[in-house]
Amino acid sequence: MFPFAGITPDGGFMPRYATEWIDYQLPSGQDFAVAVCGYSGKVRHMYIGQDPVRRAFVRHVYVEGDDCQTGEHCLAMDCRLNRAEPEHLLHMLDMMEDEPVDEEMAKQWGTESTLQCFLRFAHKISESLPEDKKAQTPPLEE
């Protein structure tokens, strides 16, 4: 992978796909948002609360062939281009380390890992997206 966003090793430009933010509200009334990848149609990022800075930085993905420049920081574990390691995922979710969830949540999600609960939640949201959000969008014009 070349170190500059969207630039190939030969100096060309990788296709750039938009990220669409979708806002939700938890039953408790707390806001949360997910970022849907325009390439895969899957949830690639999420946060709880208001975070306009994160929205400003998580706006595009650059994909060419088998290389996604955000593949190391992506919650869509079932995307063929995902290369995310647990430490990157924890950082994305503002966690220093994985922590166990309470017994009730562990029973509901089938895991004691907070990280795995978030990943399963992201996957469930991806599955429930409207079909037009799941479809790959055309690359953006440069």
Protein backbone atom coordinates (compact mmCIF):
# COMPACT_ATOMS: atom_id res chain seq x y z
CA MET A 1 0.00 0.00 0.00
CA PHE A 2 1.31 3.44 -0.92
CA PRO A 3 1.41 5.90 2.01
CA PHE A 4 -0.53 8.82 0.49
CA ALA A 5 -4.33 8.60 0.42
CA GLY A 6 -5.59 7.77 -3.03
CA ILE A 7 -2.19 7.82 -4.78
CA THR A 8 -0.87 4.69 -6.44
CA PRO A 9 2.87 3.86 -6.48
CA ASP A 10 3.07 5.06 -10.10
CA GLY A 11 1.55 8.44 -9.17
CA GLY A 12 -1.96 7.70 -10.42
CA PHE A 13 -5.17 8.11 -8.48
CA MET A 14 -7.14 5.28 -6.90
CA PRO A 15 -10.93 5.31 -7.32
CA ARG A 16 -12.53 7.13 -4.36
CA TYR A 17 -15.87 6.01 -2.92
CA ALA A 18 -18.03 8.13 -0.63
CA THR A 19 -18.83 7.19 2.95
CA GLU A 20 -22.41 7.90 3.98
CA TRP A 21 -23.13 8.67 7.62
CA ILE A 22 -26.47 7.46 8.98
CA ASP A 23 -27.76 8.71 12.30
CA TYR A 24 -29.63 6.53 14.79
CA GLN A 25 -30.81 6.79 18.35
CA LEU A 26 -30.44 4.15 21.04
CA PRO A 27 -33.50 3.21 23.12
CA SER A 28 -31.92 5.29 25.92
CA GLY A 29 -32.17 8.36 23.66
CA GLN A 30 -28.42 8.58 23.07
CA ASP A 31 -27.35 9.42 19.52
CA PHE A 32 -25.04 7.19 17.52
CA ALA A 33 -23.97 7.12 13.91
CA VAL A 34 -22.58 4.61 11.44
CA ALA A 35 -20.47 5.19 8.36
CA VAL A 36 -21.50 3.07 5.37
CA CYS A 37 -18.77 2.35 2.84
CA GLY A 38 -19.67 3.29 -0.73
CA TYR A 39 -17.53 0.42 -2.05
CA SER A 40 -18.76 -2.49 0.08
CA GLY A 41 -22.13 -1.18 1.32
CA LYS A 42 -21.19 -2.26 4.86
CA VAL A 43 -20.77 -0.37 8.14
CA ARG A 44 -17.10 0.58 8.32
CA HIS A 45 -17.14 2.91 11.32
CA MET A 46 -19.42 3.95 14.18
CA TYR A 47 -19.48 6.19 17.19
CA ILE A 48 -21.79 7.07 20.04
CA GLY A 49 -22.70 10.71 20.67
CA GLN A 50 -21.88 13.72 18.52
CA ASP A 51 -18.50 13.81 16.75
CA PRO A 52 -18.35 16.22 13.80
CA VAL A 53 -14.56 15.93 13.64
CA ARG A 54 -14.73 12.18 13.06
CA ARG A 55 -17.30 12.73 10.32
CA ALA A 56 -14.93 15.19 8.66
CA PHE A 57 -12.12 12.62 8.58
CA VAL A 58 -14.15 9.51 7.71
CA ARG A 59 -15.53 10.63 4.33
CA HIS A 60 -14.04 8.38 1.64
CA VAL A 61 -12.41 5.07 0.91
CA TYR A 62 -9.84 4.55 -1.82
CA VAL A 63 -10.00 1.13 -3.47
CA GLU A 64 -8.11 -0.35 -6.37
CA GLY A 65 -7.96 -4.05 -7.13
CA ASP A 66 -7.36 -5.85 -3.84
CA ASP A 67 -6.19 -2.74 -1.98
CA CYS A 68 -8.42 -0.60 0.24
CA GLN A 69 -6.48 2.16 1.95
CA THR A 70 -8.84 2.06 4.95
CA GLY A 71 -8.89 -1.73 5.21
CA GLU A 72 -6.79 -1.65 8.39
CA HIS A 73 -9.37 0.55 10.14
CA CYS A 74 -12.70 -0.97 9.20
CA LEU A 75 -15.49 -2.62 11.19
CA ALA A 76 -16.79 -4.59 8.18
CA MET A 77 -15.00 -7.81 9.06
CA ASP A 78 -16.78 -9.70 6.28
CA CYS A 79 -15.45 -7.36 3.56
CA ARG A 80 -12.85 -9.12 1.41
CA LEU A 81 -10.57 -6.07 1.67
CA ASN A 82 -10.62 -5.86 5.47
CA ARG A 83 -7.22 -6.18 7.14
CA ALA A 84 -8.15 -4.72 10.54
CA GLU A 85 -6.32 -5.98 13.60
CA PRO A 86 -7.97 -5.90 17.05
CA GLU A 87 -5.73 -3.06 18.28
CA HIS A 88 -6.80 -0.84 15.35
CA LEU A 89 -10.46 -1.66 15.93
CA LEU A 90 -10.18 -0.85 19.64
CA HIS A 91 -8.58 2.49 18.79
CA MET A 92 -11.39 3.28 16.33
CA LEU A 93 -13.92 2.62 19.09
CA ASP A 94 -11.98 4.81 21.57
CA MET A 95 -10.99 1.83 23.70
CA MET A 96 -7.54 1.13 25.12
CA GLU A 97 -8.18 -2.59 25.52
CA ASP A 98 -11.00 -5.05 25.12
CA GLU A 99 -13.14 -5.37 28.22
CA PRO A 100 -15.66 -7.99 29.25
CA VAL A 101 -19.34 -7.09 28.98
CA ASP A 102 -21.86 -7.83 31.70
CA GLU A 103 -23.54 -11.22 31.88
CA GLU A 104 -26.79 -10.08 30.27
CA MET A 105 -25.05 -8.53 27.28
CA ALA A 106 -22.76 -11.55 26.90
CA LYS A 107 -25.82 -13.78 26.74
CA GLN A 108 -27.54 -11.51 24.20
CA TRP A 109 -24.54 -11.20 21.85
CA GLY A 110 -22.92 -14.59 22.44
CA THR A 111 -19.56 -13.18 23.54
CA GLU A 112 -17.95 -11.63 26.59
CA SER A 113 -15.83 -9.28 24.44
CA THR A 114 -16.90 -5.64 24.11
CA LEU A 115 -15.06 -5.46 20.78
CA GLN A 116 -16.86 -8.52 19.42
CA CYS A 117 -20.21 -7.07 20.56
CA PHE A 118 -19.48 -3.87 18.60
CA LEU A 119 -18.42 -5.88 15.53
CA ARG A 120 -21.57 -7.99 15.69
CA PHE A 121 -23.67 -4.86 16.15
CA ALA A 122 -22.03 -3.26 13.08
CA HIS A 123 -22.69 -6.45 11.09
CA LYS A 124 -26.36 -6.50 12.16
CA ILE A 125 -26.76 -2.87 11.08
CA SER A 126 -25.10 -3.67 7.73
CA GLU A 127 -27.55 -6.53 7.19
CA SER A 128 -30.52 -4.28 8.00
CA LEU A 129 -29.56 -1.42 5.68
CA PRO A 130 -31.90 -0.66 2.78
CA GLU A 131 -30.80 -2.37 -0.44
CA ASP A 132 -29.72 0.91 -2.05
CA LYS A 133 -27.24 1.49 0.81
CA LYS A 134 -25.81 -2.03 0.44
CA ALA A 135 -25.07 -1.55 -3.26
CA GLN A 136 -21.70 -0.30 -4.43
CA THR A 137 -21.82 3.34 -5.49
CA PRO A 138 -19.90 4.65 -8.49
CA PRO A 139 -16.51 6.17 -7.69
CA LEU A 140 -16.49 9.91 -7.12
CA GLU A 141 -15.11 12.19 -9.79
CA GLU A 142 -11.70 13.68 -9.03
